[in-house]
């Protein structure tokens, strides 16, 4: 009980004013690739407020989950779905999870002429379009959402041979931004980056929102710091950063 009261006081403190923790250990955080830009800004703000250094590993949700299953010593896991955190709770790795962000899929291209068509479906069906990047639907929730949009609109079968499967949603954007492909299904957050602003994009309302959950390892090396970071993810300063990158 005393531990819970202390944690509550610490959580309330970080939401109200900056302070310095005794940063005995760094935090090791596994972060879904779509959240790279927002996370870097949030980690810097958290470190400034607490003195706790955050070290991140970015990859697809599926890959990070596999690493955790194989013993990777992460303190916090920021997934791009709710399924993997739920499984980790059942397996005893964490005591619970919470939703920290909801993201959206867009169709982005480095070529601004790509967006002259009335809709994203028509843009993709242009005979000039030869390659379309898509994050792996098996391991990347944003890839799963993108594929669902293609299936819903009846385009999946016709465009399947044109898809280039990326390991992560970040790699899908990399392919598109370097013009290795004509366009790519990416996270809305990518459009906010300096590189993303150089291109154009369509909203993809047929793609379900990607609901993202986070969890803290039950045996985190820096448990107080990990719990505080979990609190920070839901704080006002973190919310502003998330909204800046298109999350809600």
Protein backbone atom coordinates (compact mmCIF):
# COMPACT_ATOMS: atom_id res chain seq x y z
CA UNK A 1 0.00 0.00 0.00
CA UNK A 2 2.78 2.45 0.95
CA UNK A 3 4.55 1.68 -2.35
CA UNK A 4 1.39 2.45 -4.31
CA UNK A 5 0.87 5.73 -2.46
CA UNK A 6 4.50 6.74 -3.11
CA UNK A 7 4.16 5.89 -6.80
CA UNK A 8 0.96 7.93 -7.03
CA UNK A 9 2.72 10.93 -5.46
CA UNK A 10 5.63 10.60 -7.89
CA UNK A 11 3.26 10.30 -10.86
CA UNK A 12 1.35 13.39 -9.82
CA UNK A 13 4.62 15.25 -9.37
CA UNK A 14 5.88 14.58 -12.87
CA UNK A 15 2.58 15.80 -14.32
CA UNK A 16 2.86 19.09 -12.44
CA UNK A 17 6.48 20.20 -12.36
CA UNK A 18 9.99 19.07 -13.33
CA UNK A 19 12.16 17.32 -10.80
CA UNK A 20 15.28 15.18 -10.74
CA UNK A 21 15.26 11.50 -9.81
CA UNK A 22 18.24 9.59 -8.61
CA UNK A 23 18.85 7.99 -12.00
CA UNK A 24 20.50 4.79 -10.79
CA UNK A 25 19.69 2.98 -14.03
CA UNK A 26 18.88 3.87 -17.58
CA UNK A 27 15.53 2.87 -18.99
CA UNK A 28 15.51 0.39 -21.85
CA UNK A 29 12.39 0.88 -23.96
CA UNK A 30 11.16 -1.19 -26.90
CA UNK A 31 9.28 1.13 -29.26
CA UNK A 32 7.11 0.36 -32.29
CA UNK A 33 8.69 1.86 -35.41
CA UNK A 34 5.78 4.18 -36.21
CA UNK A 35 6.41 6.08 -32.97
CA UNK A 36 10.09 6.98 -33.60
CA UNK A 37 9.78 10.74 -34.07
CA UNK A 38 7.28 11.33 -31.30
CA UNK A 39 9.17 9.06 -28.91
CA UNK A 40 12.52 10.81 -29.39
CA UNK A 41 10.97 14.13 -28.48
CA UNK A 42 9.13 12.65 -25.51
CA UNK A 43 12.21 10.82 -24.23
CA UNK A 44 14.23 14.05 -24.31
CA UNK A 45 11.51 15.87 -22.37
CA UNK A 46 11.25 13.05 -19.82
CA UNK A 47 15.01 12.98 -19.34
CA UNK A 48 15.07 16.73 -18.77
CA UNK A 49 12.31 16.45 -16.17
CA UNK A 50 13.64 13.42 -14.29
CA UNK A 51 17.33 12.95 -15.08
CA UNK A 52 16.57 9.39 -16.23
CA UNK A 53 18.22 8.53 -19.54
CA UNK A 54 16.02 6.59 -21.95
CA UNK A 55 17.55 4.18 -24.45
CA UNK A 56 15.22 2.99 -27.19
CA UNK A 57 15.15 0.09 -29.61
CA UNK A 58 12.90 0.72 -32.61
CA UNK A 59 11.44 -2.13 -34.66
CA UNK A 60 8.15 -3.67 -35.69
CA UNK A 61 5.82 -4.69 -32.88
CA UNK A 62 6.12 -8.35 -33.84
CA UNK A 63 9.90 -8.27 -33.81
CA UNK A 64 10.03 -6.52 -30.44
CA UNK A 65 7.58 -9.02 -28.97
CA UNK A 66 9.79 -11.87 -30.20
CA UNK A 67 12.83 -10.23 -28.59
CA UNK A 68 10.99 -9.96 -25.27
CA UNK A 69 9.95 -13.61 -25.51
CA UNK A 70 13.61 -14.48 -26.06
CA UNK A 71 14.70 -12.63 -22.93
CA UNK A 72 15.52 -9.09 -24.11
CA UNK A 73 15.73 -7.01 -20.90
CA UNK A 74 13.38 -4.17 -21.81
CA UNK A 75 11.85 -2.15 -18.99
CA UNK A 76 8.96 -0.76 -21.04
CA UNK A 77 7.28 -1.91 -24.24
CA UNK A 78 5.44 0.55 -26.49
CA UNK A 79 3.52 -1.66 -28.86
CA UNK A 80 1.58 -0.64 -31.97
CA UNK A 81 -1.28 -2.90 -30.97
CA UNK A 82 -3.07 -4.10 -27.84
CA UNK A 83 -2.72 -7.81 -28.60
CA UNK A 84 0.96 -8.30 -27.72
CA UNK A 85 0.78 -6.44 -24.36
CA UNK A 86 -2.29 -8.53 -23.48
CA UNK A 87 -0.37 -11.71 -24.27
CA UNK A 88 2.60 -10.53 -22.20
CA UNK A 89 0.26 -9.94 -19.27
CA UNK A 90 -1.11 -13.47 -19.54
CA UNK A 91 2.43 -14.79 -19.69
CA UNK A 92 3.45 -12.87 -16.56
CA UNK A 93 5.92 -10.43 -18.17
CA UNK A 94 3.79 -7.44 -17.17
CA UNK A 95 1.01 -6.80 -14.69
CA UNK A 96 -1.12 -4.78 -17.10
CA UNK A 97 -1.18 -2.42 -20.05
CA UNK A 98 -2.73 0.88 -21.11
CA UNK A 99 -3.47 2.69 -24.36
CA UNK A 100 -1.02 5.51 -24.97
CA UNK A 101 -1.81 6.47 -28.59
CA UNK A 102 -4.10 5.95 -31.56
CA UNK A 103 -2.55 6.32 -34.98
CA UNK A 104 -3.71 6.55 -38.58
CA UNK A 105 -2.48 5.13 -41.87
CA UNK A 106 -1.90 7.40 -44.88
CA UNK A 107 -0.71 6.80 -48.44
CA UNK A 108 2.37 8.97 -49.00
CA UNK A 109 4.53 9.73 -52.03
CA UNK A 110 7.66 11.80 -52.60
CA UNK A 111 6.17 12.82 -55.96
CA UNK A 112 3.56 15.55 -55.41
CA UNK A 113 2.03 14.76 -58.80
CA UNK A 114 0.95 11.44 -57.31
CA UNK A 115 -1.78 13.21 -55.35
CA UNK A 116 -3.55 14.72 -58.34
CA UNK A 117 -6.06 11.86 -58.55
CA UNK A 118 -9.43 12.35 -56.80
CA UNK A 119 -8.80 9.48 -54.37
CA UNK A 120 -6.03 7.24 -53.11
CA UNK A 121 -7.65 4.25 -54.81
CA UNK A 122 -7.52 5.93 -58.21
CA UNK A 123 -3.97 7.12 -57.59
CA UNK A 124 -2.81 3.54 -56.99
CA UNK A 125 -4.57 2.22 -60.08
CA UNK A 126 -2.66 4.56 -62.38
CA UNK A 127 -0.74 2.38 -64.85
CA UNK A 128 2.41 4.39 -64.12
CA UNK A 129 2.47 3.11 -60.53
CA UNK A 130 4.80 0.12 -60.41
CA UNK A 131 5.77 -0.30 -56.74
CA UNK A 132 3.88 0.34 -53.49
CA UNK A 133 5.48 -0.06 -50.06
CA UNK A 134 3.59 -1.86 -47.33
CA UNK A 135 4.79 -2.79 -43.86
CA UNK A 136 4.69 -6.53 -43.17
CA UNK A 137 1.07 -7.25 -42.16
CA UNK A 138 2.20 -10.19 -40.03
CA UNK A 139 4.54 -8.28 -37.73
CA UNK A 140 3.54 -4.60 -38.16
CA UNK A 141 0.04 -3.47 -37.08
CA UNK A 142 0.19 -0.51 -39.47
CA UNK A 143 0.81 -3.00 -42.25
CA UNK A 144 -2.20 -5.01 -41.09
CA UNK A 145 -4.37 -1.88 -41.17
CA UNK A 146 -3.07 -0.94 -44.63
CA UNK A 147 -3.83 -4.38 -46.01
CA UNK A 148 -7.35 -4.22 -44.56
CA UNK A 149 -7.94 -0.97 -46.47
CA UNK A 150 -6.81 -2.59 -49.71
CA UNK A 151 -9.06 -5.60 -49.11
CA UNK A 152 -12.08 -3.44 -48.20
CA UNK A 153 -11.75 -1.45 -51.43
CA UNK A 154 -11.22 -4.54 -53.56
CA UNK A 155 -7.69 -3.54 -54.57
CA UNK A 156 -5.62 -6.16 -52.76
CA UNK A 157 -5.68 -8.86 -55.42
CA UNK A 158 -4.99 -6.46 -58.27
CA UNK A 159 -2.12 -4.63 -56.56
CA UNK A 160 -0.56 -7.55 -54.71
CA UNK A 161 2.22 -8.02 -57.26
CA UNK A 162 3.16 -4.34 -56.98
CA UNK A 163 3.60 -4.36 -53.21
CA UNK A 164 7.06 -4.17 -51.70
CA UNK A 165 6.98 -5.56 -48.15
CA UNK A 166 8.93 -3.49 -45.63
CA UNK A 167 10.05 -4.86 -42.26
CA UNK A 168 8.54 -1.88 -40.41
CA UNK A 169 6.28 1.09 -41.11
CA UNK A 170 9.36 3.31 -40.79
CA UNK A 171 11.05 1.33 -43.55
CA UNK A 172 7.95 1.69 -45.69
CA UNK A 173 8.36 5.46 -45.40
CA UNK A 174 12.06 5.15 -46.15
CA UNK A 175 11.30 3.31 -49.38
CA UNK A 176 8.77 5.97 -50.38
CA UNK A 177 10.89 8.96 -49.37
CA UNK A 178 13.87 7.73 -51.38
CA UNK A 179 11.62 7.00 -54.39
CA UNK A 180 12.54 3.31 -54.28
CA UNK A 181 8.77 2.89 -54.65
CA UNK A 182 6.13 5.18 -56.15
CA UNK A 183 4.17 5.43 -52.91
CA UNK A 184 3.92 3.80 -49.52
CA UNK A 185 1.39 3.16 -46.79
CA UNK A 186 2.91 4.91 -43.78
CA UNK A 187 1.93 6.32 -40.40
CA UNK A 188 0.41 9.81 -40.36
CA UNK A 189 3.24 10.83 -38.05
CA UNK A 190 5.70 10.47 -40.94
CA UNK A 191 4.03 13.34 -42.80
CA UNK A 192 4.99 15.74 -40.01
CA UNK A 193 8.73 15.11 -40.39
CA UNK A 194 10.84 17.48 -42.55
CA UNK A 195 11.14 14.74 -45.17
CA UNK A 196 7.45 13.96 -44.99
CA UNK A 197 6.50 17.56 -45.66
CA UNK A 198 8.31 17.42 -49.00
CA UNK A 199 5.83 14.93 -50.42
CA UNK A 200 2.07 14.55 -50.51
CA UNK A 201 -0.41 12.11 -49.04
CA UNK A 202 -3.96 10.83 -49.01
CA UNK A 203 -5.89 9.99 -45.87
CA UNK A 204 -6.98 6.33 -45.91
CA UNK A 205 -10.28 6.24 -43.97
CA UNK A 206 -10.78 2.58 -44.87
CA UNK A 207 -7.73 1.68 -42.76
CA UNK A 208 -8.74 1.08 -39.12
CA UNK A 209 -7.14 3.29 -36.49
CA UNK A 210 -4.13 1.62 -34.95
CA UNK A 211 -4.69 1.40 -31.19
CA UNK A 212 -1.36 1.28 -29.38
CA UNK A 213 -0.81 -0.06 -25.88
CA UNK A 214 2.19 0.11 -23.56
CA UNK A 215 3.26 -2.01 -20.61
CA UNK A 216 5.98 -2.07 -17.94
CA UNK A 217 8.01 -5.20 -17.26
CA UNK A 218 7.18 -6.74 -13.90
CA UNK A 219 10.91 -7.21 -13.26
CA UNK A 220 12.10 -3.91 -14.73
CA UNK A 221 15.59 -3.02 -13.53
CA UNK A 222 14.56 0.58 -12.81
CA UNK A 223 10.98 -0.04 -11.72
CA UNK A 224 10.34 3.44 -10.31
CA UNK A 225 11.71 5.08 -13.45
CA UNK A 226 9.71 2.71 -15.67
CA UNK A 227 6.49 3.42 -13.79
CA UNK A 228 7.15 7.14 -13.99
CA UNK A 229 7.72 6.91 -17.72
CA UNK A 230 4.38 5.12 -18.01
CA UNK A 231 2.79 8.01 -16.12
CA UNK A 232 4.57 10.50 -18.36
CA UNK A 233 3.15 8.87 -21.51
CA UNK A 234 -0.31 9.99 -20.40
CA UNK A 235 0.71 13.44 -19.15
CA UNK A 236 -0.14 16.83 -20.65
CA UNK A 237 3.34 17.45 -22.10
CA UNK A 238 3.35 14.01 -23.73
CA UNK A 239 -0.15 14.55 -25.13
CA UNK A 240 0.96 17.75 -26.86
CA UNK A 241 3.85 15.93 -28.51
CA UNK A 242 1.60 13.05 -29.61
CA UNK A 243 -0.92 15.45 -31.13
CA UNK A 244 1.89 17.23 -32.96
CA UNK A 245 2.68 13.94 -34.71
CA UNK A 246 -0.92 13.11 -35.58
CA UNK A 247 -1.80 10.78 -32.72
CA UNK A 248 -4.98 11.07 -30.70
